[in-house]
């Protein structure tokens, strides 16, 4: 799911992507989609909109110096 969001957002952290669209494209059911989104949020990869999330965007990760 993370790679699909990166691809769709073209690496732009400000670009929101609908969770339903990603799940449908990847062939995920609601339970698997929800689990994948939760995992991505816990890992700090996504920022979510809504509860349960209906859209996600890439989180802004500071670059190492």
N, C-alpha and C. Protein backbone atom coordinates (compact mmCIF):
# COMPACT_ATOMS: atom_id res chain seq x y z
N UNK A 1 0.83 -1.18 0.00
CA UNK A 1 0.00 0.00 0.00
C UNK A 1 0.88 1.26 0.00
N UNK A 2 1.94 1.23 0.78
CA UNK A 2 2.83 2.40 0.85
C UNK A 2 3.38 2.75 -0.52
N UNK A 3 3.85 1.75 -1.25
CA UNK A 3 4.43 2.01 -2.57
C UNK A 3 3.39 2.58 -3.52
N UNK A 4 2.13 2.13 -3.41
CA UNK A 4 1.07 2.65 -4.26
C UNK A 4 0.79 4.12 -3.95
N UNK A 5 0.78 4.48 -2.68
CA UNK A 5 0.57 5.88 -2.30
C UNK A 5 1.75 6.73 -2.79
N UNK A 6 2.96 6.23 -2.65
CA UNK A 6 4.14 6.97 -3.13
C UNK A 6 4.01 7.20 -4.64
N UNK A 7 3.61 6.17 -5.37
CA UNK A 7 3.47 6.27 -6.82
C UNK A 7 2.38 7.28 -7.19
N UNK A 8 1.21 7.15 -6.57
CA UNK A 8 0.10 8.04 -6.90
C UNK A 8 0.36 9.48 -6.50
N UNK A 9 1.02 9.66 -5.38
CA UNK A 9 1.32 11.01 -4.89
C UNK A 9 2.56 11.60 -5.55
N UNK A 10 3.26 10.77 -6.33
CA UNK A 10 4.51 11.17 -6.98
C UNK A 10 5.50 11.74 -5.98
N UNK A 11 5.48 11.14 -4.76
CA UNK A 11 6.42 11.52 -3.72
C UNK A 11 6.08 12.82 -3.00
N UNK A 12 4.94 13.43 -3.33
CA UNK A 12 4.54 14.71 -2.72
C UNK A 12 3.78 14.44 -1.42
N UNK A 13 4.30 14.86 -0.26
CA UNK A 13 3.64 14.60 1.01
C UNK A 13 2.29 15.29 1.16
N UNK A 14 2.03 16.34 0.38
CA UNK A 14 0.78 17.08 0.55
C UNK A 14 -0.37 16.51 -0.29
N UNK A 15 -0.14 15.47 -1.05
CA UNK A 15 -1.16 14.91 -1.95
C UNK A 15 -1.97 13.81 -1.25
N UNK A 16 -3.27 14.05 -1.06
CA UNK A 16 -4.16 13.07 -0.42
C UNK A 16 -4.60 12.02 -1.42
N UNK A 17 -4.65 10.77 -0.97
CA UNK A 17 -5.06 9.65 -1.81
C UNK A 17 -6.18 8.90 -1.09
N UNK A 18 -7.33 8.66 -1.76
CA UNK A 18 -8.43 7.93 -1.14
C UNK A 18 -8.05 6.48 -0.83
N UNK A 19 -8.29 6.06 0.40
CA UNK A 19 -7.98 4.69 0.83
C UNK A 19 -8.75 3.67 -0.02
N UNK A 20 -10.01 3.96 -0.30
CA UNK A 20 -10.83 3.04 -1.09
C UNK A 20 -10.21 2.77 -2.46
N UNK A 21 -9.71 3.82 -3.10
CA UNK A 21 -9.10 3.65 -4.43
C UNK A 21 -7.87 2.77 -4.38
N UNK A 22 -7.04 2.96 -3.36
CA UNK A 22 -5.83 2.14 -3.21
C UNK A 22 -6.22 0.69 -2.96
N UNK A 23 -7.15 0.49 -2.03
CA UNK A 23 -7.58 -0.87 -1.69
C UNK A 23 -8.15 -1.58 -2.90
N UNK A 24 -8.96 -0.88 -3.67
CA UNK A 24 -9.57 -1.48 -4.86
C UNK A 24 -8.50 -1.85 -5.89
N UNK A 25 -7.56 -0.95 -6.11
CA UNK A 25 -6.50 -1.20 -7.07
C UNK A 25 -5.63 -2.39 -6.67
N UNK A 26 -5.40 -2.54 -5.34
CA UNK A 26 -4.56 -3.63 -4.84
C UNK A 26 -5.35 -4.91 -4.54
N UNK A 27 -6.68 -4.86 -4.68
CA UNK A 27 -7.50 -6.03 -4.44
C UNK A 27 -7.64 -6.39 -2.97
N UNK A 28 -7.61 -5.37 -2.09
CA UNK A 28 -7.71 -5.60 -0.65
C UNK A 28 -9.15 -5.45 -0.18
N UNK A 29 -9.57 -6.33 0.72
CA UNK A 29 -10.89 -6.16 1.32
C UNK A 29 -10.80 -5.09 2.41
N UNK A 30 -11.94 -4.74 3.01
CA UNK A 30 -11.97 -3.66 4.00
C UNK A 30 -11.07 -3.95 5.20
N UNK A 31 -11.08 -5.19 5.67
CA UNK A 31 -10.28 -5.55 6.84
C UNK A 31 -8.78 -5.44 6.56
N UNK A 32 -8.35 -5.96 5.42
CA UNK A 32 -6.93 -5.90 5.06
C UNK A 32 -6.51 -4.46 4.80
N UNK A 33 -7.36 -3.69 4.17
CA UNK A 33 -7.07 -2.29 3.90
C UNK A 33 -6.92 -1.51 5.20
N UNK A 34 -7.84 -1.70 6.13
CA UNK A 34 -7.77 -1.00 7.42
C UNK A 34 -6.50 -1.37 8.18
N UNK A 35 -6.14 -2.65 8.15
CA UNK A 35 -4.92 -3.10 8.84
C UNK A 35 -3.68 -2.48 8.20
N UNK A 36 -3.65 -2.41 6.88
CA UNK A 36 -2.50 -1.83 6.18
C UNK A 36 -2.37 -0.34 6.49
N UNK A 37 -3.50 0.37 6.53
CA UNK A 37 -3.46 1.80 6.85
C UNK A 37 -3.00 2.01 8.28
N UNK A 38 -3.53 1.22 9.22
CA UNK A 38 -3.09 1.34 10.62
C UNK A 38 -1.59 1.12 10.74
N UNK A 39 -1.09 0.09 10.07
CA UNK A 39 0.34 -0.22 10.13
C UNK A 39 1.16 0.95 9.56
N UNK A 40 0.74 1.49 8.43
CA UNK A 40 1.48 2.59 7.81
C UNK A 40 1.48 3.83 8.70
N UNK A 41 0.38 4.09 9.39
CA UNK A 41 0.31 5.22 10.31
C UNK A 41 1.24 4.98 11.49
N UNK A 42 1.21 3.77 12.04
CA UNK A 42 2.09 3.44 13.17
C UNK A 42 3.56 3.55 12.79
N UNK A 43 3.90 3.22 11.55
CA UNK A 43 5.28 3.29 11.08
C UNK A 43 5.70 4.73 10.76
N UNK A 44 4.73 5.64 10.74
CA UNK A 44 5.02 7.03 10.42
C UNK A 44 5.08 7.33 8.94
N UNK A 45 4.59 6.41 8.09
CA UNK A 45 4.62 6.59 6.65
C UNK A 45 3.47 7.45 6.15
N UNK A 46 2.29 7.32 6.80
CA UNK A 46 1.08 8.02 6.36
C UNK A 46 0.57 8.95 7.44
N UNK A 47 -0.12 9.98 7.00
CA UNK A 47 -0.97 10.82 7.83
C UNK A 47 -2.38 10.54 7.32
N UNK A 48 -3.33 10.35 8.22
CA UNK A 48 -4.68 9.97 7.82
C UNK A 48 -5.67 11.10 8.02
N UNK A 49 -6.76 11.04 7.26
CA UNK A 49 -7.86 11.98 7.37
C UNK A 49 -9.12 11.17 7.66
N UNK A 50 -9.72 11.42 8.82
CA UNK A 50 -10.94 10.73 9.19
C UNK A 50 -10.68 9.58 10.14
N UNK A 51 -11.75 9.10 10.75
CA UNK A 51 -11.67 7.96 11.66
C UNK A 51 -12.90 7.09 11.49
N UNK A 52 -12.81 5.99 10.74
CA UNK A 52 -11.61 5.43 10.13
C UNK A 52 -11.14 6.30 8.96
N UNK A 53 -9.86 6.21 8.65
CA UNK A 53 -9.31 7.05 7.59
C UNK A 53 -9.95 6.79 6.24
N UNK A 54 -10.35 7.85 5.56
CA UNK A 54 -10.87 7.70 4.19
C UNK A 54 -9.85 8.18 3.17
N UNK A 55 -8.87 8.97 3.61
CA UNK A 55 -7.78 9.42 2.75
C UNK A 55 -6.48 9.40 3.55
N UNK A 56 -5.38 9.20 2.84
CA UNK A 56 -4.06 9.24 3.47
C UNK A 56 -3.14 10.06 2.60
N UNK A 57 -2.09 10.56 3.23
CA UNK A 57 -1.02 11.23 2.48
C UNK A 57 0.29 10.77 3.09
N UNK A 58 1.36 10.95 2.34
CA UNK A 58 2.67 10.61 2.86
C UNK A 58 3.03 11.57 3.98
N UNK A 59 3.65 11.06 5.00
CA UNK A 59 4.10 11.93 6.08
C UNK A 59 5.38 12.62 5.64
N UNK A 60 5.65 13.73 6.25
CA UNK A 60 6.89 14.46 5.96
C UNK A 60 7.93 13.93 6.91
N UNK A 61 8.95 13.28 6.37
CA UNK A 61 10.01 12.71 7.18
C UNK A 61 11.23 13.59 7.01
N UNK A 62 11.75 14.11 8.14
CA UNK A 62 12.95 14.96 8.01
C UNK A 62 14.13 14.18 7.46
N UNK A 63 14.90 14.83 6.62
CA UNK A 63 16.07 14.19 6.04
C UNK A 63 17.20 14.16 7.06
N UNK A 64 17.96 13.08 7.07
CA UNK A 64 19.10 12.95 7.98
C UNK A 64 20.22 13.87 7.51
N UNK A 65 20.93 14.44 8.48
CA UNK A 65 22.04 15.32 8.12
C UNK A 65 23.37 14.66 8.42
